[in-house]
């Protein structure tokens, strides 16, 4: 049988707990993030590559007494050049939790719809983040799951219209046309 294609890289591990950071952030590989125009623009203009806020750009120096030290120094250098810190302070101020933004990054890495949460509230939060960075495929998948939620919600649920009305403004604000049409049809039937 033919060899299976290589799996996409996993998101880098978060900084250690002794790192000092002024804002919530996550790490991502530049080559993966640059596929998204939002991140590509940030990477090319304003991000300090591979550094925490307040760090200067110092060359790697230190003991290179043996192969292990040289290997560790090379690995650190490569990591510094290939990984970017994603400052998500603006997203968290808009109500997007780190856990939800992590799901967005997971989707960028894997393309798997398994990252979509089950809770409609979490799905709407993911839509906010995905829409803001321009990951329209994820927005559409979330829209589909919200439609499924409302369709399942109509079966014997007295709060169906209330849920539909609550999602109506959201659907229009984020240009979720299929969801808006489904909501209109749901409300027209009641």
N, C-alpha and C. Protein backbone atom coordinates (compact mmCIF):
# COMPACT_ATOMS: atom_id res chain seq x y z
N UNK A 1 0.83 -1.19 0.00
CA UNK A 1 0.00 0.00 0.00
C UNK A 1 0.87 1.24 0.00
N UNK A 2 0.37 2.34 -0.63
CA UNK A 2 1.18 3.56 -0.69
C UNK A 2 1.32 4.17 0.71
N UNK A 3 2.45 4.85 0.93
CA UNK A 3 2.64 5.46 2.25
C UNK A 3 1.60 6.55 2.49
N UNK A 4 1.20 6.69 3.73
CA UNK A 4 0.22 7.72 4.06
C UNK A 4 0.89 9.09 4.03
N UNK A 5 0.12 10.14 3.68
CA UNK A 5 0.70 11.48 3.63
C UNK A 5 1.12 11.92 5.02
N UNK A 6 2.15 12.78 5.08
CA UNK A 6 2.58 13.24 6.40
C UNK A 6 1.49 14.04 7.08
N UNK A 7 1.41 13.90 8.38
CA UNK A 7 0.40 14.67 9.12
C UNK A 7 0.89 16.09 9.31
N UNK A 8 -0.05 17.05 9.42
CA UNK A 8 0.34 18.45 9.59
C UNK A 8 1.04 18.62 10.93
N UNK A 9 1.87 19.66 11.04
CA UNK A 9 2.55 19.87 12.32
C UNK A 9 1.55 20.19 13.41
N UNK A 10 1.89 19.84 14.61
CA UNK A 10 1.06 20.18 15.77
C UNK A 10 1.41 21.57 16.23
N UNK A 11 0.44 22.28 16.80
CA UNK A 11 0.77 23.60 17.34
C UNK A 11 1.87 23.47 18.38
N UNK A 12 2.79 24.44 18.44
CA UNK A 12 3.87 24.37 19.42
C UNK A 12 3.32 24.41 20.84
N UNK A 13 4.11 23.92 21.76
CA UNK A 13 3.73 23.97 23.17
C UNK A 13 3.72 25.41 23.64
N UNK A 14 2.83 25.74 24.56
CA UNK A 14 2.80 27.10 25.08
C UNK A 14 4.07 27.40 25.87
N UNK A 15 4.35 28.70 26.06
CA UNK A 15 5.53 29.05 26.83
C UNK A 15 5.45 28.47 28.24
N UNK A 16 6.61 28.28 28.85
CA UNK A 16 6.63 27.72 30.19
C UNK A 16 5.98 28.68 31.18
N UNK A 17 5.60 28.14 32.32
CA UNK A 17 4.87 28.94 33.29
C UNK A 17 5.71 30.06 33.88
N UNK A 18 7.05 29.99 33.74
CA UNK A 18 7.86 31.07 34.29
C UNK A 18 8.07 32.20 33.30
N UNK A 19 7.44 32.11 32.12
CA UNK A 19 7.51 33.21 31.16
C UNK A 19 6.66 34.36 31.67
N UNK A 20 7.12 35.56 31.41
CA UNK A 20 6.36 36.75 31.81
C UNK A 20 5.72 37.30 30.55
N UNK A 21 4.38 37.32 30.53
CA UNK A 21 3.67 37.83 29.37
C UNK A 21 2.66 38.86 29.83
N UNK A 22 2.53 39.92 29.06
CA UNK A 22 1.60 40.98 29.45
C UNK A 22 0.19 40.72 28.94
N UNK A 23 0.04 39.89 27.94
CA UNK A 23 -1.28 39.64 27.37
C UNK A 23 -1.40 38.16 27.06
N UNK A 24 -2.65 37.65 26.99
CA UNK A 24 -2.82 36.25 26.64
C UNK A 24 -2.27 36.00 25.24
N UNK A 25 -1.59 34.87 25.08
CA UNK A 25 -1.03 34.56 23.77
C UNK A 25 -0.92 33.05 23.60
N UNK A 26 -0.80 32.65 22.34
CA UNK A 26 -0.59 31.26 21.98
C UNK A 26 0.54 31.24 20.96
N UNK A 27 1.15 30.08 20.79
CA UNK A 27 2.23 29.95 19.82
C UNK A 27 1.71 29.25 18.57
N UNK A 28 2.27 29.62 17.42
CA UNK A 28 1.92 28.98 16.17
C UNK A 28 3.10 29.00 15.22
N UNK A 29 3.17 28.01 14.34
CA UNK A 29 4.22 27.97 13.33
C UNK A 29 3.92 29.03 12.27
N UNK A 30 4.92 29.83 11.94
CA UNK A 30 4.73 30.91 10.98
C UNK A 30 4.26 30.38 9.63
N UNK A 31 4.81 29.26 9.18
CA UNK A 31 4.44 28.74 7.86
C UNK A 31 2.97 28.32 7.82
N UNK A 32 2.41 27.90 8.95
CA UNK A 32 1.00 27.52 9.01
C UNK A 32 0.13 28.76 9.13
N UNK A 33 0.51 29.67 10.03
CA UNK A 33 -0.28 30.89 10.24
C UNK A 33 -0.32 31.75 8.99
N UNK A 34 0.77 31.78 8.23
CA UNK A 34 0.86 32.65 7.05
C UNK A 34 -0.12 32.25 5.95
N UNK A 35 -0.74 31.08 6.05
CA UNK A 35 -1.77 30.68 5.07
C UNK A 35 -3.01 31.56 5.20
N UNK A 36 -3.18 32.18 6.36
CA UNK A 36 -4.35 33.02 6.63
C UNK A 36 -3.93 34.47 6.46
N UNK A 37 -4.56 35.23 5.54
CA UNK A 37 -4.15 36.62 5.28
C UNK A 37 -4.05 37.48 6.54
N UNK A 38 -4.94 37.30 7.50
CA UNK A 38 -4.89 38.08 8.74
C UNK A 38 -3.55 37.90 9.44
N UNK A 39 -3.13 36.64 9.60
CA UNK A 39 -1.87 36.36 10.28
C UNK A 39 -0.67 36.72 9.40
N UNK A 40 -0.80 36.51 8.10
CA UNK A 40 0.30 36.85 7.20
C UNK A 40 0.63 38.33 7.31
N UNK A 41 -0.40 39.17 7.36
CA UNK A 41 -0.18 40.62 7.50
C UNK A 41 0.50 40.93 8.82
N UNK A 42 0.06 40.30 9.89
CA UNK A 42 0.68 40.54 11.19
C UNK A 42 2.13 40.07 11.21
N UNK A 43 2.38 38.92 10.62
CA UNK A 43 3.74 38.38 10.60
C UNK A 43 4.69 39.26 9.81
N UNK A 44 4.20 39.84 8.74
CA UNK A 44 5.09 40.62 7.89
C UNK A 44 5.31 42.03 8.39
N UNK A 45 4.45 42.53 9.28
CA UNK A 45 4.55 43.93 9.66
C UNK A 45 4.88 44.18 11.12
N UNK A 46 4.16 43.56 12.03
CA UNK A 46 4.24 44.05 13.40
C UNK A 46 4.74 43.06 14.44
N UNK A 47 4.76 41.79 14.14
CA UNK A 47 5.16 40.85 15.17
C UNK A 47 6.66 40.84 15.33
N UNK A 48 7.12 40.74 16.55
CA UNK A 48 8.54 40.53 16.84
C UNK A 48 8.72 39.03 16.82
N UNK A 49 9.37 38.55 15.83
CA UNK A 49 9.42 37.13 15.56
C UNK A 49 10.04 36.32 16.70
N UNK A 50 9.24 35.37 17.17
CA UNK A 50 9.72 34.40 18.14
C UNK A 50 10.13 34.97 19.48
N UNK A 51 9.66 36.16 19.83
CA UNK A 51 10.09 36.77 21.08
C UNK A 51 8.91 37.14 21.94
N UNK A 52 9.13 37.15 23.21
CA UNK A 52 8.15 37.61 24.17
C UNK A 52 8.26 39.13 24.27
N UNK A 53 7.21 39.79 24.67
CA UNK A 53 7.29 41.23 24.84
C UNK A 53 8.43 41.60 25.78
N UNK A 54 9.21 42.60 25.39
CA UNK A 54 10.29 43.09 26.23
C UNK A 54 11.63 42.42 25.98
N UNK A 55 11.66 41.37 25.18
CA UNK A 55 12.94 40.73 24.91
C UNK A 55 13.66 41.46 23.80
N UNK A 56 14.95 41.57 23.93
CA UNK A 56 15.76 42.15 22.87
C UNK A 56 16.17 41.07 21.90
N UNK A 57 16.68 41.50 20.78
CA UNK A 57 17.13 40.52 19.81
C UNK A 57 18.60 40.24 20.06
N UNK A 58 18.86 39.21 20.83
CA UNK A 58 20.22 38.86 21.16
C UNK A 58 20.59 37.59 20.41
N UNK A 59 21.82 37.51 19.91
CA UNK A 59 22.23 36.28 19.25
C UNK A 59 22.33 35.16 20.28
N UNK A 60 22.17 33.94 19.79
CA UNK A 60 22.33 32.81 20.69
C UNK A 60 23.78 32.75 21.12
N UNK A 61 24.00 32.71 22.40
CA UNK A 61 25.35 32.50 22.88
C UNK A 61 25.26 31.69 24.15
N UNK A 62 26.27 31.01 24.45
CA UNK A 62 26.26 30.16 25.62
C UNK A 62 27.21 29.02 25.40
N UNK A 63 27.29 28.15 26.33
CA UNK A 63 28.27 27.07 26.21
C UNK A 63 27.90 26.12 25.09
N UNK A 64 28.84 25.88 24.24
CA UNK A 64 28.68 24.89 23.17
C UNK A 64 29.76 23.84 23.36
N UNK A 65 29.82 23.27 24.55
CA UNK A 65 30.89 22.35 24.90
C UNK A 65 30.76 21.00 24.23
N UNK A 66 29.58 20.59 23.94
CA UNK A 66 29.41 19.27 23.37
C UNK A 66 28.33 19.29 22.33
N UNK A 67 28.13 18.14 21.71
CA UNK A 67 27.10 18.04 20.67
C UNK A 67 25.72 18.34 21.20
N UNK A 68 25.42 17.89 22.43
CA UNK A 68 24.09 18.13 22.99
C UNK A 68 23.83 19.61 23.14
N UNK A 69 24.80 20.38 23.64
CA UNK A 69 24.63 21.81 23.79
C UNK A 69 24.45 22.48 22.44
N UNK A 70 25.23 22.07 21.45
CA UNK A 70 25.12 22.64 20.10
C UNK A 70 23.78 22.29 19.49
N UNK A 71 23.35 21.06 19.71
CA UNK A 71 22.06 20.62 19.18
C UNK A 71 20.92 21.41 19.82
N UNK A 72 20.99 21.59 21.13
CA UNK A 72 19.96 22.36 21.83
C UNK A 72 19.94 23.80 21.36
N UNK A 73 21.12 24.39 21.15
CA UNK A 73 21.21 25.77 20.68
C UNK A 73 20.63 25.89 19.28
N UNK A 74 20.93 24.92 18.42
CA UNK A 74 20.40 24.94 17.06
C UNK A 74 18.89 24.78 17.08
N UNK A 75 18.40 23.86 17.91
CA UNK A 75 16.96 23.65 18.02
C UNK A 75 16.27 24.93 18.51
N UNK A 76 16.84 25.59 19.50
CA UNK A 76 16.27 26.83 20.01
C UNK A 76 16.26 27.91 18.93
N UNK A 77 17.33 27.96 18.14
CA UNK A 77 17.42 28.96 17.07
C UNK A 77 16.36 28.71 16.00
N UNK A 78 16.21 27.46 15.60
CA UNK A 78 15.21 27.11 14.60
C UNK A 78 13.81 27.41 15.12
N UNK A 79 13.55 27.05 16.38
CA UNK A 79 12.25 27.31 16.98
C UNK A 79 11.97 28.80 17.00
N UNK A 80 12.97 29.59 17.37
CA UNK A 80 12.80 31.04 17.43
C UNK A 80 12.45 31.61 16.06
N UNK A 81 13.02 31.04 15.01
CA UNK A 81 12.79 31.56 13.67
C UNK A 81 11.50 31.04 13.06
N UNK A 82 10.98 29.91 13.53
CA UNK A 82 9.82 29.31 12.87
C UNK A 82 8.50 29.48 13.62
N UNK A 83 8.56 29.97 14.85
CA UNK A 83 7.37 30.06 15.68
C UNK A 83 7.08 31.52 15.99
N UNK A 84 5.79 31.86 15.97
CA UNK A 84 5.36 33.21 16.31
C UNK A 84 4.41 33.14 17.50
N UNK A 85 4.45 34.16 18.30
CA UNK A 85 3.54 34.27 19.42
C UNK A 85 2.31 35.05 18.95
N UNK A 86 1.15 34.46 19.10
CA UNK A 86 -0.10 35.07 18.67
C UNK A 86 -0.71 35.79 19.88
N UNK A 87 -0.68 37.10 19.85
CA UNK A 87 -1.27 37.90 20.92
C UNK A 87 -2.78 37.93 20.71
N UNK A 88 -3.51 37.38 21.66
CA UNK A 88 -4.97 37.30 21.50
C UNK A 88 -5.70 38.23 22.46
N UNK A 89 -4.99 39.22 22.97
CA UNK A 89 -5.59 40.15 23.93
C UNK A 89 -6.84 40.81 23.34
N UNK A 90 -6.77 41.25 22.08
CA UNK A 90 -7.93 41.89 21.45
C UNK A 90 -9.11 40.94 21.35
N UNK A 91 -8.83 39.67 21.11
CA UNK A 91 -9.90 38.68 21.02
C UNK A 91 -10.52 38.44 22.39
N UNK A 92 -9.68 38.33 23.42
CA UNK A 92 -10.23 38.08 24.75
C UNK A 92 -11.04 39.27 25.24
N UNK A 93 -10.63 40.47 24.86
CA UNK A 93 -11.41 41.66 25.23
C UNK A 93 -12.77 41.66 24.55
N UNK A 94 -12.86 41.01 23.38
CA UNK A 94 -14.13 40.89 22.66
C UNK A 94 -14.93 39.67 23.11
N UNK A 95 -14.48 38.99 24.16
CA UNK A 95 -15.23 37.87 24.71
C UNK A 95 -14.86 36.51 24.19
N UNK A 96 -13.77 36.40 23.42
CA UNK A 96 -13.33 35.10 22.92
C UNK A 96 -12.33 34.53 23.92
N UNK A 97 -12.68 33.39 24.49
CA UNK A 97 -11.80 32.76 25.47
C UNK A 97 -10.63 32.06 24.77
N UNK A 98 -9.54 31.89 25.52
CA UNK A 98 -8.35 31.23 24.98
C UNK A 98 -8.69 29.84 24.46
N UNK A 99 -9.54 29.11 25.18
CA UNK A 99 -9.91 27.76 24.76
C UNK A 99 -10.56 27.76 23.38
N UNK A 100 -11.37 28.77 23.12
CA UNK A 100 -12.05 28.86 21.82
C UNK A 100 -11.07 29.28 20.74
N UNK A 101 -10.20 30.25 21.04
CA UNK A 101 -9.20 30.67 20.05
C UNK A 101 -8.27 29.50 19.72
N UNK A 102 -7.99 28.67 20.71
CA UNK A 102 -7.18 27.46 20.48
C UNK A 102 -7.85 26.55 19.46
N UNK A 103 -9.17 26.47 19.52
CA UNK A 103 -9.90 25.65 18.55
C UNK A 103 -9.74 26.21 17.14
N UNK A 104 -9.72 27.54 17.02
CA UNK A 104 -9.48 28.17 15.72
C UNK A 104 -8.10 27.78 15.20
N UNK A 105 -7.08 27.87 16.05
CA UNK A 105 -5.73 27.48 15.63
C UNK A 105 -5.68 26.00 15.27
N UNK A 106 -6.36 25.16 16.05
CA UNK A 106 -6.41 23.72 15.73
C UNK A 106 -7.01 23.50 14.35
N UNK A 107 -8.06 24.25 14.02
CA UNK A 107 -8.68 24.11 12.71
C UNK A 107 -7.71 24.55 11.61
N UNK A 108 -6.98 25.64 11.84
CA UNK A 108 -6.01 26.10 10.85
C UNK A 108 -4.95 25.02 10.61
N UNK A 109 -4.54 24.34 11.66
CA UNK A 109 -3.54 23.28 11.54
C UNK A 109 -4.10 22.03 10.88
N UNK A 110 -5.31 21.62 11.26
CA UNK A 110 -5.81 20.30 10.86
C UNK A 110 -6.90 20.32 9.80
N UNK A 111 -7.68 21.40 9.75
CA UNK A 111 -8.82 21.43 8.84
C UNK A 111 -9.96 20.54 9.31
N UNK A 112 -9.85 20.00 10.51
CA UNK A 112 -10.85 19.06 11.02
C UNK A 112 -12.01 19.80 11.68
N UNK A 113 -13.21 19.38 11.32
CA UNK A 113 -14.38 19.98 11.94
C UNK A 113 -14.61 19.44 13.35
N UNK A 114 -13.80 18.51 13.78
CA UNK A 114 -13.90 18.00 15.15
C UNK A 114 -13.60 19.07 16.19
N UNK A 115 -13.01 20.18 15.77
CA UNK A 115 -12.68 21.26 16.72
C UNK A 115 -13.93 22.06 17.12
N UNK A 116 -15.01 21.92 16.37
CA UNK A 116 -16.22 22.71 16.64
C UNK A 116 -16.85 22.22 17.94
N UNK A 117 -17.05 23.13 18.89
CA UNK A 117 -17.63 22.72 20.17
C UNK A 117 -19.10 22.33 20.02
N UNK A 118 -19.63 21.68 21.03
CA UNK A 118 -21.03 21.25 21.00
C UNK A 118 -21.98 22.35 21.45
N UNK A 119 -21.56 23.18 22.35
CA UNK A 119 -22.41 24.22 22.91
C UNK A 119 -22.65 25.35 21.89
N UNK A 120 -23.91 25.73 21.66
CA UNK A 120 -24.18 26.83 20.72
C UNK A 120 -23.48 28.13 21.13
N UNK A 121 -23.37 28.38 22.43
CA UNK A 121 -22.67 29.59 22.88
C UNK A 121 -21.20 29.55 22.48
N UNK A 122 -20.57 28.38 22.63
CA UNK A 122 -19.17 28.24 22.24
C UNK A 122 -19.01 28.33 20.72
N UNK A 123 -19.99 27.80 20.00
CA UNK A 123 -19.94 27.87 18.53
C UNK A 123 -20.01 29.33 18.08
N UNK A 124 -20.89 30.12 18.68
CA UNK A 124 -20.98 31.53 18.28
C UNK A 124 -19.69 32.27 18.61
N UNK A 125 -19.06 31.92 19.71
CA UNK A 125 -17.78 32.52 20.07
C UNK A 125 -16.70 32.16 19.04
N UNK A 126 -16.73 30.92 18.57
CA UNK A 126 -15.78 30.48 17.54
C UNK A 126 -16.04 31.20 16.23
N UNK A 127 -17.31 31.45 15.90
CA UNK A 127 -17.64 32.21 14.70
C UNK A 127 -17.02 33.61 14.78
N UNK A 128 -17.13 34.25 15.93
CA UNK A 128 -16.57 35.60 16.11
C UNK A 128 -15.07 35.59 15.80
N UNK A 129 -14.34 34.63 16.35
CA UNK A 129 -12.90 34.55 16.12
C UNK A 129 -12.58 34.20 14.67
N UNK A 130 -13.27 33.21 14.12
CA UNK A 130 -13.00 32.76 12.75
C UNK A 130 -13.33 33.85 11.73
N UNK A 131 -14.42 34.54 11.94
CA UNK A 131 -14.82 35.64 11.04
C UNK A 131 -13.78 36.75 11.09
N UNK A 132 -13.31 37.06 12.27
CA UNK A 132 -12.35 38.16 12.43
C UNK A 132 -11.03 37.89 11.71
N UNK A 133 -10.58 36.63 11.71
CA UNK A 133 -9.32 36.33 11.02
C UNK A 133 -9.54 35.85 9.59
N UNK A 134 -10.79 35.67 9.18
CA UNK A 134 -11.08 35.33 7.79
C UNK A 134 -11.01 33.85 7.47
N UNK A 135 -11.33 32.99 8.42
CA UNK A 135 -11.36 31.55 8.16
C UNK A 135 -12.81 31.18 7.83
N UNK A 136 -13.21 31.50 6.60
CA UNK A 136 -14.61 31.35 6.21
C UNK A 136 -15.09 29.90 6.21
N UNK A 137 -14.20 28.97 5.91
CA UNK A 137 -14.60 27.56 5.92
C UNK A 137 -15.08 27.16 7.32
N UNK A 138 -14.39 27.61 8.35
CA UNK A 138 -14.79 27.30 9.72
C UNK A 138 -16.09 28.02 10.07
N UNK A 139 -16.25 29.25 9.61
CA UNK A 139 -17.50 29.99 9.86
C UNK A 139 -18.67 29.21 9.28
N UNK A 140 -18.52 28.70 8.06
CA UNK A 140 -19.62 27.95 7.40
C UNK A 140 -19.93 26.65 8.14
N UNK A 141 -18.87 25.97 8.61
CA UNK A 141 -19.10 24.73 9.37
C UNK A 141 -19.83 25.03 10.68
N UNK A 142 -19.46 26.11 11.33
CA UNK A 142 -20.15 26.51 12.57
C UNK A 142 -21.60 26.88 12.28
N UNK A 143 -21.82 27.58 11.15
CA UNK A 143 -23.18 27.94 10.76
C UNK A 143 -24.02 26.68 10.59
N UNK A 144 -23.46 25.68 9.93
CA UNK A 144 -24.16 24.41 9.74
C UNK A 144 -24.54 23.79 11.08
N UNK A 145 -23.60 23.80 12.03
CA UNK A 145 -23.89 23.21 13.34
C UNK A 145 -24.94 24.00 14.11
N UNK A 146 -24.98 25.31 13.93
CA UNK A 146 -26.02 26.12 14.58
C UNK A 146 -27.39 25.81 13.97
N UNK A 147 -27.43 25.58 12.66
CA UNK A 147 -28.69 25.19 12.01
C UNK A 147 -29.16 23.84 12.56
N UNK A 148 -28.24 22.89 12.69
CA UNK A 148 -28.58 21.58 13.25
C UNK A 148 -29.09 21.73 14.68
N UNK A 149 -28.44 22.60 15.46
CA UNK A 149 -28.89 22.86 16.83
C UNK A 149 -30.34 23.35 16.83
N UNK A 150 -30.65 24.32 15.97
CA UNK A 150 -32.02 24.85 15.93
C UNK A 150 -33.00 23.81 15.42
N UNK A 151 -32.59 23.01 14.44
CA UNK A 151 -33.48 21.97 13.92
C UNK A 151 -33.80 20.95 15.01
N UNK A 152 -32.80 20.57 15.78
CA UNK A 152 -33.02 19.63 16.89
C UNK A 152 -33.78 20.29 18.03
N UNK A 153 -33.60 21.60 18.15
CA UNK A 153 -34.23 22.37 19.22
C UNK A 153 -35.74 22.46 19.03
N UNK A 154 -36.21 22.37 17.78
CA UNK A 154 -37.64 22.52 17.50
C UNK A 154 -38.44 21.33 17.98
N UNK A 155 -37.79 20.19 18.14
CA UNK A 155 -38.48 18.97 18.52
C UNK A 155 -38.84 18.98 20.00
N UNK A 156 -40.03 19.46 20.31
CA UNK A 156 -40.54 19.41 21.67
C UNK A 156 -39.93 20.40 22.64
N UNK A 157 -39.36 21.46 22.15
CA UNK A 157 -38.75 22.44 23.04
C UNK A 157 -39.54 23.74 23.00
N UNK A 158 -40.05 24.14 24.14
CA UNK A 158 -40.83 25.38 24.22
C UNK A 158 -39.96 26.61 24.01
N UNK A 159 -38.65 26.49 24.23
CA UNK A 159 -37.74 27.63 24.10
C UNK A 159 -37.21 27.80 22.68
N UNK A 160 -37.71 27.03 21.74
CA UNK A 160 -37.21 27.07 20.37
C UNK A 160 -37.25 28.48 19.79
N UNK A 161 -38.40 29.14 19.89
CA UNK A 161 -38.51 30.50 19.34
C UNK A 161 -37.58 31.47 20.04
N UNK A 162 -37.44 31.30 21.33
CA UNK A 162 -36.53 32.16 22.09
C UNK A 162 -35.09 31.97 21.62
N UNK A 163 -34.69 30.72 21.43
CA UNK A 163 -33.34 30.44 20.93
C UNK A 163 -33.15 30.98 19.51
N UNK A 164 -34.18 30.81 18.68
CA UNK A 164 -34.11 31.31 17.30
C UNK A 164 -33.97 32.83 17.28
N UNK A 165 -34.76 33.51 18.10
CA UNK A 165 -34.66 34.98 18.16
C UNK A 165 -33.29 35.43 18.66
N UNK A 166 -32.76 34.71 19.64
CA UNK A 166 -31.44 35.06 20.19
C UNK A 166 -30.35 34.92 19.13
N UNK A 167 -30.50 33.93 18.26
CA UNK A 167 -29.50 33.73 17.21
C UNK A 167 -29.74 34.60 15.97
N UNK A 168 -30.92 35.16 15.84
CA UNK A 168 -31.27 35.93 14.65
C UNK A 168 -30.35 37.14 14.43
N UNK A 169 -30.20 37.96 15.45
CA UNK A 169 -29.33 39.14 15.30
C UNK A 169 -27.89 38.72 15.05
N UNK A 170 -27.46 37.66 15.73
CA UNK A 170 -26.10 37.16 15.53
C UNK A 170 -25.90 36.72 14.08
N UNK A 171 -26.86 35.97 13.55
CA UNK A 171 -26.76 35.48 12.17
C UNK A 171 -26.64 36.64 11.18
N UNK A 172 -27.40 37.67 11.39
CA UNK A 172 -27.35 38.82 10.48
C UNK A 172 -26.06 39.63 10.67
N UNK A 173 -25.61 39.76 11.90
CA UNK A 173 -24.38 40.52 12.16
C UNK A 173 -23.16 39.84 11.53
N UNK A 174 -23.16 38.52 11.46
CA UNK A 174 -22.02 37.79 10.91
C UNK A 174 -22.30 37.22 9.52
N UNK A 175 -23.35 37.73 8.88
CA UNK A 175 -23.67 37.36 7.50
C UNK A 175 -23.83 35.85 7.32
N UNK A 176 -24.49 35.23 8.27
CA UNK A 176 -24.77 33.80 8.21
C UNK A 176 -26.15 33.63 7.57
N UNK A 177 -26.18 33.73 6.26
CA UNK A 177 -27.45 33.79 5.51
C UNK A 177 -28.28 32.52 5.65
N UNK A 178 -27.63 31.37 5.56
CA UNK A 178 -28.39 30.11 5.69
C UNK A 178 -29.03 30.01 7.07
N UNK A 179 -28.28 30.39 8.10
CA UNK A 179 -28.83 30.36 9.46
C UNK A 179 -29.98 31.35 9.58
N UNK A 180 -29.82 32.54 9.02
CA UNK A 180 -30.88 33.56 9.08
C UNK A 180 -32.15 33.05 8.39
N UNK A 181 -32.00 32.40 7.22
CA UNK A 181 -33.17 31.84 6.52
C UNK A 181 -33.83 30.74 7.35
N UNK A 182 -33.02 29.91 7.97
CA UNK A 182 -33.56 28.83 8.80
C UNK A 182 -34.33 29.42 9.99
N UNK A 183 -33.77 30.46 10.58
CA UNK A 183 -34.44 31.12 11.72
C UNK A 183 -35.76 31.72 11.27
N UNK A 184 -35.75 32.41 10.12
CA UNK A 184 -36.98 33.02 9.61
C UNK A 184 -38.05 31.95 9.38
N UNK A 185 -37.64 30.81 8.81
CA UNK A 185 -38.59 29.73 8.55
C UNK A 185 -39.11 29.14 9.87
N UNK A 186 -38.23 29.00 10.83
CA UNK A 186 -38.63 28.46 12.14
C UNK A 186 -39.64 29.38 12.82
N UNK A 187 -39.36 30.67 12.79
CA UNK A 187 -40.26 31.63 13.43
C UNK A 187 -41.58 31.76 12.68
N UNK A 188 -41.55 31.59 11.35
CA UNK A 188 -42.78 31.68 10.56
C UNK A 188 -43.72 30.50 10.85
N UNK A 189 -43.15 29.37 11.20
CA UNK A 189 -43.97 28.18 11.49
C UNK A 189 -44.65 28.25 12.84
N UNK A 190 -44.19 29.13 13.70
CA UNK A 190 -44.77 29.16 15.06
C UNK A 190 -45.88 30.16 15.19
